[in-house]
N, C-alpha and C. Protein backbone atom coordinates (compact mmCIF):
# COMPACT_ATOMS: atom_id res chain seq x y z
N MET A 1 0.84 -1.17 0.00
CA MET A 1 0.00 0.00 0.00
C MET A 1 0.89 1.24 0.00
N ILE A 2 0.51 2.20 -0.83
CA ILE A 2 1.18 3.49 -0.86
C ILE A 2 0.10 4.57 -0.77
N LEU A 3 0.30 5.52 0.13
CA LEU A 3 -0.66 6.60 0.31
C LEU A 3 -0.40 7.73 -0.68
N PHE A 4 -1.48 8.27 -1.21
CA PHE A 4 -1.42 9.43 -2.10
C PHE A 4 -2.47 10.43 -1.65
N THR A 5 -2.31 11.69 -2.03
CA THR A 5 -3.34 12.68 -1.75
C THR A 5 -4.53 12.42 -2.68
N PRO A 6 -5.73 12.75 -2.23
CA PRO A 6 -6.91 12.51 -3.08
C PRO A 6 -6.80 13.14 -4.46
N ARG A 7 -6.18 14.31 -4.57
CA ARG A 7 -6.10 14.97 -5.88
C ARG A 7 -5.23 14.21 -6.87
N HIS A 8 -4.35 13.35 -6.39
CA HIS A 8 -3.47 12.60 -7.29
C HIS A 8 -4.08 11.28 -7.75
N VAL A 9 -5.12 10.80 -7.11
CA VAL A 9 -5.70 9.50 -7.45
C VAL A 9 -6.19 9.47 -8.90
N GLU A 10 -6.94 10.47 -9.32
CA GLU A 10 -7.44 10.47 -10.71
C GLU A 10 -6.30 10.59 -11.70
N MET A 11 -5.26 11.34 -11.35
CA MET A 11 -4.08 11.45 -12.23
C MET A 11 -3.41 10.09 -12.40
N ILE A 12 -3.35 9.32 -11.32
CA ILE A 12 -2.76 7.98 -11.37
C ILE A 12 -3.61 7.08 -12.26
N LYS A 13 -4.92 7.08 -12.01
CA LYS A 13 -5.82 6.22 -12.79
C LYS A 13 -5.80 6.55 -14.27
N ALA A 14 -5.58 7.82 -14.60
CA ALA A 14 -5.54 8.26 -15.99
C ALA A 14 -4.17 8.06 -16.63
N GLY A 15 -3.19 7.62 -15.84
CA GLY A 15 -1.85 7.43 -16.37
C GLY A 15 -1.05 8.71 -16.49
N GLU A 16 -1.53 9.79 -15.89
CA GLU A 16 -0.84 11.08 -15.95
C GLU A 16 0.24 11.18 -14.87
N LYS A 17 0.06 10.47 -13.79
CA LYS A 17 1.04 10.44 -12.70
C LYS A 17 1.63 9.04 -12.65
N THR A 18 2.91 8.94 -12.97
CA THR A 18 3.59 7.64 -13.03
C THR A 18 4.85 7.63 -12.18
N GLN A 19 4.97 8.63 -11.32
CA GLN A 19 6.16 8.75 -10.49
C GLN A 19 5.78 9.44 -9.19
N THR A 20 6.46 9.06 -8.11
CA THR A 20 6.26 9.73 -6.83
C THR A 20 7.59 9.78 -6.10
N ARG A 21 7.78 10.82 -5.31
CA ARG A 21 8.97 10.95 -4.48
C ARG A 21 8.58 10.75 -3.03
N ARG A 22 9.40 9.96 -2.33
CA ARG A 22 9.09 9.60 -0.95
C ARG A 22 10.29 9.82 -0.04
N VAL A 23 10.00 10.32 1.17
CA VAL A 23 11.02 10.48 2.19
C VAL A 23 10.98 9.21 3.04
N TRP A 24 11.77 8.25 2.67
CA TRP A 24 11.86 6.97 3.36
C TRP A 24 13.28 6.78 3.86
N LYS A 25 13.44 6.21 5.03
CA LYS A 25 14.78 5.89 5.53
C LYS A 25 15.39 4.75 4.72
N ARG A 26 14.54 3.85 4.29
CA ARG A 26 14.95 2.74 3.42
C ARG A 26 13.79 2.46 2.48
N PRO A 27 14.05 1.85 1.34
CA PRO A 27 12.96 1.61 0.38
C PRO A 27 11.83 0.79 0.99
N ARG A 28 10.61 1.19 0.71
CA ARG A 28 9.41 0.46 1.15
C ARG A 28 8.70 -0.18 -0.03
N ALA A 29 9.38 -0.23 -1.15
CA ALA A 29 8.81 -0.83 -2.36
C ALA A 29 9.95 -1.52 -3.10
N LYS A 30 9.58 -2.53 -3.88
CA LYS A 30 10.54 -3.24 -4.71
C LYS A 30 10.04 -3.23 -6.15
N VAL A 31 10.97 -3.15 -7.08
CA VAL A 31 10.60 -3.20 -8.49
C VAL A 31 9.87 -4.51 -8.76
N GLY A 32 8.73 -4.41 -9.42
CA GLY A 32 7.90 -5.56 -9.73
C GLY A 32 6.77 -5.79 -8.74
N ALA A 33 6.87 -5.20 -7.55
CA ALA A 33 5.82 -5.38 -6.54
C ALA A 33 4.58 -4.60 -6.93
N VAL A 34 3.42 -5.10 -6.50
CA VAL A 34 2.14 -4.43 -6.74
C VAL A 34 1.64 -3.88 -5.41
N HIS A 35 1.22 -2.62 -5.43
CA HIS A 35 0.74 -1.93 -4.22
C HIS A 35 -0.65 -1.37 -4.45
N LEU A 36 -1.44 -1.30 -3.40
CA LEU A 36 -2.73 -0.63 -3.44
C LEU A 36 -2.52 0.86 -3.32
N VAL A 37 -3.29 1.65 -4.05
CA VAL A 37 -3.28 3.11 -3.94
C VAL A 37 -4.38 3.49 -2.98
N LYS A 38 -4.00 4.10 -1.86
CA LYS A 38 -4.96 4.53 -0.84
C LYS A 38 -4.76 6.00 -0.54
N THR A 39 -5.81 6.61 0.03
CA THR A 39 -5.71 7.99 0.49
C THR A 39 -5.79 8.08 2.01
N GLU A 40 -6.15 6.96 2.66
CA GLU A 40 -6.23 6.92 4.12
C GLU A 40 -5.58 5.63 4.60
N LEU A 41 -4.72 5.75 5.59
CA LEU A 41 -3.92 4.62 6.07
C LEU A 41 -4.76 3.43 6.51
N PHE A 42 -5.76 3.65 7.32
CA PHE A 42 -6.50 2.53 7.90
C PHE A 42 -7.79 2.19 7.16
N SER A 43 -8.00 2.81 6.03
CA SER A 43 -9.19 2.53 5.24
C SER A 43 -9.04 1.19 4.53
N LYS A 44 -10.16 0.49 4.37
CA LYS A 44 -10.16 -0.75 3.60
C LYS A 44 -10.30 -0.47 2.11
N GLU A 45 -10.71 0.76 1.79
CA GLU A 45 -10.92 1.16 0.40
C GLU A 45 -9.59 1.47 -0.28
N HIS A 46 -9.47 1.01 -1.51
CA HIS A 46 -8.34 1.41 -2.34
C HIS A 46 -8.88 1.84 -3.69
N HIS A 47 -8.11 2.64 -4.41
CA HIS A 47 -8.58 3.26 -5.65
C HIS A 47 -8.13 2.52 -6.89
N CYS A 48 -6.96 1.91 -6.82
CA CYS A 48 -6.43 1.11 -7.91
C CYS A 48 -5.18 0.40 -7.39
N ARG A 49 -4.55 -0.35 -8.28
CA ARG A 49 -3.30 -1.01 -7.92
C ARG A 49 -2.22 -0.53 -8.88
N ILE A 50 -1.01 -0.39 -8.36
CA ILE A 50 0.12 0.03 -9.19
C ILE A 50 1.26 -0.98 -9.06
N ARG A 51 2.00 -1.13 -10.15
CA ARG A 51 3.20 -1.98 -10.17
C ARG A 51 4.41 -1.06 -10.20
N ILE A 52 5.37 -1.33 -9.34
CA ILE A 52 6.59 -0.54 -9.28
C ILE A 52 7.49 -0.94 -10.45
N THR A 53 7.88 0.04 -11.26
CA THR A 53 8.71 -0.22 -12.45
C THR A 53 10.12 0.32 -12.30
N GLY A 54 10.35 1.14 -11.29
CA GLY A 54 11.69 1.68 -11.08
C GLY A 54 11.80 2.26 -9.69
N LEU A 55 13.01 2.28 -9.16
CA LEU A 55 13.25 2.81 -7.82
C LEU A 55 14.69 3.31 -7.77
N ARG A 56 14.85 4.57 -7.36
CA ARG A 56 16.19 5.13 -7.22
C ARG A 56 16.15 6.25 -6.19
N SER A 57 17.28 6.66 -5.71
CA SER A 57 17.34 7.80 -4.79
C SER A 57 17.96 8.98 -5.52
N GLN A 58 17.57 10.17 -5.10
CA GLN A 58 18.13 11.40 -5.67
C GLN A 58 17.83 12.56 -4.73
N ARG A 59 18.53 13.65 -4.93
CA ARG A 59 18.24 14.87 -4.19
C ARG A 59 17.01 15.53 -4.80
N LEU A 60 16.22 16.18 -3.99
CA LEU A 60 15.03 16.86 -4.52
C LEU A 60 15.39 17.85 -5.63
N ALA A 61 16.50 18.54 -5.49
CA ALA A 61 16.90 19.54 -6.48
C ALA A 61 17.20 18.94 -7.85
N ASP A 62 17.39 17.64 -7.93
CA ASP A 62 17.76 17.00 -9.19
C ASP A 62 16.55 16.59 -10.03
N ILE A 63 15.36 16.99 -9.63
CA ILE A 63 14.17 16.66 -10.42
C ILE A 63 14.25 17.38 -11.77
N SER A 64 13.98 16.65 -12.84
CA SER A 64 14.01 17.22 -14.18
C SER A 64 12.59 17.64 -14.59
N GLU A 65 12.49 18.37 -15.68
CA GLU A 65 11.16 18.74 -16.20
C GLU A 65 10.38 17.47 -16.57
N GLU A 66 11.06 16.48 -17.14
CA GLU A 66 10.41 15.22 -17.49
C GLU A 66 9.87 14.52 -16.24
N ASP A 67 10.68 14.52 -15.17
CA ASP A 67 10.23 13.92 -13.91
C ASP A 67 9.03 14.67 -13.35
N ALA A 68 9.06 15.99 -13.40
CA ALA A 68 7.93 16.78 -12.89
C ALA A 68 6.65 16.45 -13.65
N ARG A 69 6.77 16.26 -14.97
CA ARG A 69 5.59 15.87 -15.77
C ARG A 69 5.10 14.49 -15.32
N ALA A 70 6.03 13.56 -15.03
CA ALA A 70 5.65 12.22 -14.58
C ALA A 70 5.02 12.25 -13.19
N GLU A 71 5.26 13.32 -12.44
CA GLU A 71 4.67 13.49 -11.11
C GLU A 71 3.22 13.96 -11.19
N GLY A 72 2.72 14.22 -12.39
CA GLY A 72 1.33 14.62 -12.53
C GLY A 72 1.12 15.74 -13.52
N GLY A 73 2.07 15.96 -14.41
CA GLY A 73 1.90 16.99 -15.43
C GLY A 73 2.38 18.36 -15.02
N TYR A 74 3.20 18.42 -13.99
CA TYR A 74 3.68 19.70 -13.46
C TYR A 74 4.94 20.16 -14.16
N THR A 75 5.23 21.46 -14.03
CA THR A 75 6.56 21.97 -14.30
C THR A 75 7.35 21.78 -13.00
N VAL A 76 8.65 21.97 -13.05
CA VAL A 76 9.44 21.84 -11.81
C VAL A 76 8.96 22.86 -10.78
N ALA A 77 8.72 24.10 -11.20
CA ALA A 77 8.25 25.13 -10.26
C ALA A 77 6.91 24.74 -9.63
N GLU A 78 6.00 24.21 -10.43
CA GLU A 78 4.70 23.77 -9.90
C GLU A 78 4.89 22.59 -8.94
N TYR A 79 5.79 21.67 -9.29
CA TYR A 79 6.01 20.52 -8.43
C TYR A 79 6.58 20.95 -7.08
N ILE A 80 7.48 21.92 -7.07
CA ILE A 80 8.03 22.42 -5.80
C ILE A 80 6.90 22.92 -4.92
N GLN A 81 5.94 23.64 -5.50
CA GLN A 81 4.79 24.14 -4.72
C GLN A 81 3.94 22.99 -4.20
N VAL A 82 3.69 21.98 -5.03
CA VAL A 82 2.91 20.81 -4.61
C VAL A 82 3.63 20.10 -3.47
N TRP A 83 4.96 19.93 -3.60
CA TRP A 83 5.75 19.29 -2.54
C TRP A 83 5.57 20.04 -1.22
N ARG A 84 5.66 21.37 -1.28
CA ARG A 84 5.51 22.18 -0.06
C ARG A 84 4.12 22.01 0.55
N GLU A 85 3.09 21.95 -0.28
CA GLU A 85 1.73 21.78 0.23
C GLU A 85 1.57 20.44 0.93
N ILE A 86 2.21 19.40 0.41
CA ILE A 86 2.06 18.05 0.96
C ILE A 86 3.03 17.78 2.10
N ASN A 87 4.29 18.20 1.93
CA ASN A 87 5.36 17.80 2.85
C ASN A 87 5.92 18.93 3.70
N GLY A 88 5.49 20.16 3.45
CA GLY A 88 6.07 21.28 4.19
C GLY A 88 7.25 21.86 3.44
N ASP A 89 8.37 21.98 4.10
CA ASP A 89 9.55 22.65 3.56
C ASP A 89 10.16 21.92 2.36
N TRP A 90 10.67 22.69 1.42
CA TRP A 90 11.42 22.17 0.27
C TRP A 90 12.90 22.34 0.60
N ASN A 91 13.58 21.24 0.83
CA ASN A 91 15.02 21.25 1.05
C ASN A 91 15.66 20.62 -0.18
N PRO A 92 16.28 21.41 -1.06
CA PRO A 92 16.80 20.86 -2.30
C PRO A 92 17.84 19.75 -2.12
N ASP A 93 18.49 19.71 -0.96
CA ASP A 93 19.49 18.68 -0.71
C ASP A 93 18.92 17.41 -0.07
N GLN A 94 17.62 17.41 0.23
CA GLN A 94 17.01 16.24 0.86
C GLN A 94 17.03 15.05 -0.09
N LEU A 95 17.48 13.91 0.42
CA LEU A 95 17.46 12.68 -0.37
C LEU A 95 16.08 12.06 -0.29
N VAL A 96 15.56 11.66 -1.43
CA VAL A 96 14.25 11.02 -1.51
C VAL A 96 14.38 9.79 -2.39
N TYR A 97 13.41 8.90 -2.27
CA TYR A 97 13.31 7.78 -3.20
C TYR A 97 12.34 8.17 -4.30
N VAL A 98 12.74 7.94 -5.54
CA VAL A 98 11.89 8.19 -6.69
C VAL A 98 11.32 6.84 -7.09
N VAL A 99 10.00 6.73 -7.07
CA VAL A 99 9.30 5.49 -7.38
C VAL A 99 8.55 5.67 -8.69
N ASP A 100 8.94 4.90 -9.70
CA ASP A 100 8.22 4.88 -10.98
C ASP A 100 7.21 3.73 -10.92
N PHE A 101 6.03 3.95 -11.50
CA PHE A 101 4.99 2.92 -11.43
C PHE A 101 4.06 3.00 -12.61
N GLU A 102 3.27 1.93 -12.77
CA GLU A 102 2.21 1.89 -13.78
C GLU A 102 0.97 1.30 -13.13
N VAL A 103 -0.18 1.69 -13.64
CA VAL A 103 -1.44 1.17 -13.12
C VAL A 103 -1.59 -0.27 -13.61
N VAL A 104 -2.03 -1.15 -12.71
CA VAL A 104 -2.32 -2.52 -13.06
C VAL A 104 -3.78 -2.59 -13.49
N LYS A 105 -4.01 -3.00 -14.71
CA LYS A 105 -5.39 -3.06 -15.24
C LYS A 105 -6.08 -4.33 -14.77
């Protein structure tokens, strides 16, 4: 299971969001694994299933325009604002895990 904000669920289902950045101490996903997309931790409801297609670490500042589009169609500047809304402060040197995924039909 991977939690997403409600506004990103439709983007995921439409194939517009195929990447997410996570602040994890260690990876919580493996390439090839299938996860439920949820918006609430303890809810039994899930919105779809995703398969992890890639996993790597990088600094937040290293996000490319292509990566920002994969995050939901954003520019880098828009993605920085979205990150701040969801996670608070934007620290360009923060290491995150970049998770690439596809919807399981």
